[in-house]
Protein backbone atom coordinates (compact mmCIF):
# COMPACT_ATOMS: atom_id res chain seq x y z
CA MET A 1 121.98 67.47 -137.68
CA SER A 2 118.67 66.04 -136.40
CA PHE A 3 116.26 63.60 -138.17
CA THR A 4 114.36 60.43 -137.60
CA ASP A 5 114.91 56.83 -138.75
CA ILE A 6 111.53 56.95 -140.42
CA LYS A 7 112.73 59.95 -142.46
CA ILE A 8 115.57 57.98 -143.90
CA SER A 9 113.28 55.11 -144.73
CA LYS A 10 110.88 57.70 -146.40
CA ALA A 11 113.37 59.13 -148.41
CA ILE A 12 114.41 55.81 -149.87
CA VAL A 13 110.99 54.85 -150.84
CA ASP A 14 109.93 57.99 -151.81
CA ASP A 15 112.96 58.33 -154.39
CA TYR A 16 112.93 54.67 -155.53
CA PHE A 17 109.13 54.86 -156.33
CA ARG A 18 109.62 58.09 -158.25
CA LYS A 19 112.25 56.26 -160.14
CA LEU A 20 110.39 53.23 -160.90
CA ALA A 21 106.93 55.14 -161.62
CA SER A 22 109.15 56.90 -164.19
CA SER A 23 110.41 53.82 -165.98
CA LEU A 24 106.85 51.95 -166.57
CA GLU A 25 106.57 53.31 -169.92
CA LEU A 26 110.07 53.40 -171.64
CA ASP A 27 111.54 54.28 -175.15
CA VAL A 28 114.00 51.32 -174.61
CA ALA A 29 114.23 48.57 -171.98
CA ILE A 30 117.45 46.78 -171.55
CA VAL A 31 117.96 43.58 -169.57
CA GLY A 32 121.43 42.88 -168.29
CA ALA A 33 123.83 45.09 -166.97
CA GLY A 34 127.15 43.96 -168.54
CA PRO A 35 129.49 45.88 -170.60
CA ALA A 36 127.08 45.76 -173.56
CA GLY A 37 123.94 46.48 -171.68
CA LEU A 38 125.58 49.43 -169.85
CA THR A 39 127.23 50.79 -173.06
CA ALA A 40 123.88 50.64 -174.93
CA GLY A 41 122.05 52.48 -172.06
CA TYR A 42 124.80 55.31 -172.11
CA PHE A 43 124.38 56.24 -175.70
CA ILE A 44 120.91 55.72 -175.73
CA ALA A 45 120.31 57.98 -172.55
CA LYS A 46 123.11 60.33 -173.93
CA GLN A 47 120.32 61.37 -176.65
CA GLY A 48 117.73 61.98 -174.22
CA TYR A 49 115.39 58.82 -174.53
CA ARG A 50 113.65 57.11 -171.76
CA VAL A 51 115.80 54.03 -171.13
CA SER A 52 115.92 51.78 -168.10
CA LEU A 53 118.24 48.68 -167.40
CA PHE A 54 117.12 45.51 -165.27
CA GLU A 55 119.62 43.34 -163.71
CA LYS A 56 118.74 40.34 -161.86
CA ARG A 57 121.97 40.51 -159.51
CA LEU A 58 122.75 42.65 -156.67
CA SER A 59 125.94 44.32 -158.35
CA VAL A 60 125.99 45.41 -161.98
CA GLY A 61 129.04 45.13 -164.58
CA GLY A 62 128.47 41.38 -165.45
CA GLY A 63 131.95 39.91 -165.99
CA ILE A 64 133.99 43.07 -165.99
CA TRP A 65 134.87 42.71 -162.28
CA GLY A 66 136.55 39.40 -162.74
CA GLY A 67 138.74 40.19 -165.92
CA GLY A 68 139.96 36.92 -166.98
CA MET A 69 139.97 33.85 -164.18
CA MET A 70 139.72 36.75 -161.45
CA PHE A 71 142.62 38.99 -162.58
CA ASN A 72 141.19 42.08 -162.56
CA THR A 73 142.45 43.61 -165.68
CA VAL A 74 140.35 43.80 -168.79
CA VAL A 75 141.59 43.95 -172.38
CA VAL A 76 139.96 45.64 -175.41
CA SER A 77 140.71 45.83 -178.99
CA GLU A 78 142.07 48.94 -180.83
CA GLU A 79 138.60 49.66 -182.43
CA ALA A 80 137.26 49.88 -179.06
CA SER A 81 139.39 52.42 -177.53
CA GLY A 82 137.61 55.46 -178.44
CA ILE A 83 134.91 54.25 -176.23
CA LEU A 84 137.06 53.91 -173.36
CA ASP A 85 138.40 57.65 -174.26
CA GLU A 86 134.71 58.73 -174.10
CA LEU A 87 134.13 57.25 -170.86
CA GLY A 88 137.38 58.62 -169.33
CA VAL A 89 139.08 55.28 -168.59
CA ARG A 90 142.80 55.14 -168.63
CA TYR A 91 144.54 52.31 -170.50
CA ARG A 92 147.80 51.03 -171.60
CA GLU A 93 148.84 49.82 -174.85
CA THR A 94 150.52 46.34 -175.46
CA ASN A 95 153.06 45.28 -177.93
CA ASP A 96 149.92 43.69 -179.85
CA SER A 97 147.62 46.41 -180.50
CA LEU A 98 145.68 45.58 -177.39
CA TYR A 99 144.84 47.91 -174.52
CA THR A 100 144.47 46.91 -170.85
CA ALA A 101 142.43 48.73 -168.36
CA ASP A 102 141.85 48.32 -164.54
CA ALA A 103 138.60 46.31 -164.32
CA MET A 104 137.50 48.46 -161.30
CA GLU A 105 137.88 51.71 -162.95
CA PHE A 106 136.17 50.47 -166.27
CA ALA A 107 133.23 49.17 -164.62
CA GLY A 108 132.91 52.14 -162.28
CA ALA A 109 133.21 54.38 -165.37
CA LEU A 110 130.56 52.72 -167.22
CA ILE A 111 128.14 52.53 -164.22
CA TYR A 112 128.64 56.44 -163.30
CA ARG A 113 128.84 57.84 -167.11
CA SER A 114 125.60 55.79 -167.81
CA THR A 115 123.62 56.81 -164.65
CA GLN A 116 125.01 60.34 -165.25
CA ALA A 117 123.69 60.46 -168.77
CA GLY A 118 120.22 59.42 -167.76
CA LEU A 119 120.24 55.66 -167.43
CA ARG A 120 118.02 54.18 -164.68
CA ILE A 121 119.41 51.12 -163.46
CA PHE A 122 117.36 48.58 -161.24
CA ASN A 123 119.25 45.71 -159.60
CA LEU A 124 117.70 42.73 -158.01
CA VAL A 125 115.09 42.85 -160.52
CA THR A 126 114.46 39.73 -162.99
CA VAL A 127 112.56 39.60 -166.23
CA GLU A 128 110.35 36.40 -165.89
CA ASP A 129 108.13 37.14 -169.07
CA LEU A 130 107.46 39.50 -171.81
CA LEU A 131 104.59 41.67 -172.88
CA VAL A 132 103.92 40.31 -176.46
CA LYS A 133 101.09 41.62 -178.80
CA GLY A 134 100.63 40.45 -182.48
CA GLY A 135 104.17 38.51 -182.53
CA ARG A 136 105.73 41.96 -181.52
CA VAL A 137 107.56 42.66 -178.02
CA GLU A 138 106.09 45.60 -176.38
CA GLY A 139 107.62 45.34 -172.92
CA LEU A 140 108.99 43.49 -170.09
CA VAL A 141 107.24 41.54 -167.25
CA ILE A 142 109.40 42.03 -164.14
CA ASN A 143 109.72 40.76 -160.46
CA TRP A 144 112.18 41.05 -157.58
CA SER A 145 114.84 38.12 -158.24
CA PRO A 146 114.78 37.35 -154.47
CA ALA A 147 111.18 36.41 -155.19
CA GLU A 148 111.96 34.08 -158.14
CA ALA A 149 115.10 32.44 -156.41
CA ALA A 150 112.86 31.73 -153.47
CA SER A 151 110.10 30.44 -155.74
CA LEU A 152 107.58 32.61 -154.17
CA PRO A 153 103.89 32.97 -155.83
CA VAL A 154 104.62 36.85 -156.46
CA ASP A 155 102.78 38.28 -159.41
CA PRO A 156 104.88 40.63 -161.34
CA LEU A 157 104.58 44.03 -162.69
CA THR A 158 104.74 45.12 -166.36
CA VAL A 159 107.07 47.44 -168.03
CA GLN A 160 105.92 49.05 -171.75
CA SER A 161 108.81 49.61 -173.98
CA ARG A 162 108.81 50.48 -177.58
CA TYR A 163 112.14 48.54 -177.94
CA SER A 164 113.73 45.87 -175.67
CA VAL A 165 117.46 44.57 -175.40
CA ASP A 166 118.66 41.19 -174.42
CA ALA A 167 121.91 41.83 -173.01
CA THR A 168 122.03 38.87 -170.57
CA GLY A 169 125.19 37.40 -172.23
CA HIS A 170 125.92 33.71 -172.44
CA PRO A 171 122.13 32.75 -171.09
CA LEU A 172 120.27 34.60 -173.57
CA GLU A 173 117.51 34.62 -170.85
CA VAL A 174 114.93 36.95 -172.40
CA VAL A 175 115.00 35.66 -175.96
CA LYS A 176 114.59 32.13 -174.48
CA THR A 177 111.80 33.27 -172.42
CA LEU A 178 110.16 34.66 -175.86
CA CYS A 179 110.77 31.50 -177.65
CA ARG A 180 109.54 29.26 -174.97
CA LYS A 181 106.27 31.15 -174.05
CA SER A 182 105.45 33.07 -177.15
CA GLY A 183 106.87 30.83 -180.18
CA VAL A 184 107.89 33.75 -182.05
CA ARG A 185 110.20 32.92 -185.00
CA LEU A 186 113.38 34.33 -184.49
CA PHE A 187 115.56 36.24 -187.47
CA THR A 188 118.33 33.53 -187.46
CA GLU A 189 118.87 31.15 -190.37
CA THR A 190 116.61 28.46 -188.79
CA GLY A 191 114.22 30.73 -187.06
CA ALA A 192 115.35 29.25 -183.54
CA ILE A 193 118.15 30.00 -181.15
CA LEU A 194 121.50 28.84 -182.78
CA GLY A 195 123.59 28.44 -179.50
CA GLU A 196 126.97 29.69 -178.49
CA ARG A 197 130.04 28.13 -179.78
CA SER A 198 133.41 27.33 -178.43
CA MET A 199 136.03 29.77 -177.66
CA CYS A 200 137.64 31.76 -180.45
CA ALA A 201 138.52 35.35 -179.46
CA ASP A 202 139.21 36.72 -182.83
CA GLU A 203 136.30 35.37 -184.71
CA GLY A 204 134.17 36.14 -181.67
CA GLU A 205 135.01 39.72 -181.23
CA LYS A 206 133.66 40.16 -184.91
CA PHE A 207 130.73 38.03 -184.82
CA VAL A 208 129.45 39.82 -181.88
CA VAL A 209 129.32 42.98 -183.53
CA GLU A 210 128.32 41.92 -186.95
CA ASN A 211 125.42 39.90 -185.56
CA THR A 212 124.14 42.76 -182.90
CA GLY A 213 120.56 43.79 -183.91
CA GLU A 214 117.10 42.90 -184.03
CA ILE A 215 116.32 39.13 -183.24
CA ALA A 216 112.61 39.31 -183.50
CA PRO A 217 109.98 42.10 -183.84
CA ASN A 218 111.16 44.93 -181.24
CA MET A 219 113.49 42.90 -179.50
CA PHE A 220 117.48 43.14 -180.16
CA VAL A 221 120.24 41.28 -178.86
CA ALA A 222 123.94 42.82 -177.84
CA GLY A 223 126.90 41.31 -176.47
CA MET A 224 127.32 37.82 -175.93
CA ALA A 225 123.60 37.40 -176.16
CA ALA A 226 124.17 37.79 -180.00
CA CYS A 227 126.79 35.11 -180.13
CA ALA A 228 124.37 32.75 -178.07
CA ALA A 229 121.46 33.72 -180.41
CA PHE A 230 123.08 33.48 -183.66
CA GLY A 231 125.87 30.78 -183.14
CA GLY A 232 128.84 32.49 -182.81
CA PRO A 233 131.85 31.73 -180.66
CA ARG A 234 132.61 33.23 -177.29
CA MET A 235 135.59 35.24 -176.85
CA GLY A 236 136.66 35.12 -173.11
CA PRO A 237 138.11 37.98 -171.38
CA ILE A 238 138.51 40.60 -174.04
CA PHE A 239 135.60 43.48 -174.09
CA GLY A 240 135.97 45.64 -176.98
CA GLY A 241 133.30 43.53 -178.83
CA MET A 242 131.12 44.08 -176.01
CA LEU A 243 131.37 47.68 -176.02
CA LEU A 244 131.07 48.07 -179.93
CA SER A 245 128.01 45.80 -179.58
CA GLY A 246 126.37 48.01 -177.20
CA LYS A 247 127.27 51.13 -179.23
CA LYS A 248 125.89 49.36 -182.22
CA VAL A 249 122.59 48.54 -180.85
CA ALA A 250 122.21 51.93 -179.31
CA ASP A 251 122.84 53.41 -182.72
CA ILE A 252 120.15 51.20 -184.54
CA ILE A 253 117.50 51.87 -181.90
CA ILE A 254 118.22 55.67 -181.85
CA ASN A 255 117.85 55.69 -185.67
CA ARG A 256 114.32 53.78 -185.38
CA LEU A 257 113.21 56.15 -182.68
CA GLU A 258 114.34 59.36 -184.73
CA GLU A 259 112.54 57.82 -187.68
CA LYS A 260 109.33 57.75 -185.57
CA LYS A 261 109.45 61.21 -184.37
């Protein structure tokens, strides 16, 4: 075996920029690599569409890794068990029609299966703005998250996408930026962000799925971002609603893409 250090560097640079260049024009751009974002990316990529996911943190998986209060077991509802089956995640049924799974296996399966399906994931990338034309979201404005954290004056790059998904969870980062910078009226009762309410797992699980969908022209919300946008309760350490929300937003967007073929 013979290679030089510069060949290693060149291999990394060449492959990364190949992936980045192929993600500048997308069918779907997803922000936030938690369970909802990864699930959406998996099902969209599985249909052969160009979809990339941008996560500002070093690791992906969102709140999966910590389970509940750092007990790394996740709980899902019976309705979402079929998605665990599709991902190949082993689980155990409790006496209360709930299912538990190892958080490490669950997160690993989501990441592995989504990237194998064709989802391109970019970690350490933040979305600082959106490309908005005529009141419609047409893409993302991205930068390195360490540059943002250090307040460095670094200009961003633009990613064009037919549809975008805010799956940033409780912070609802992308939609908040859209409202602050573009003044777009949202598809909520008031036209503004309604805000997340206090914990109620049963109501929250239902609410997050029911309210997954389009929040502004070409912009969708999934996962806890849907609760934060439409005024639903948080549900804590149960993940079935996150999976079902990711699957629902994927189905909606896939139908839109199919209609425009």
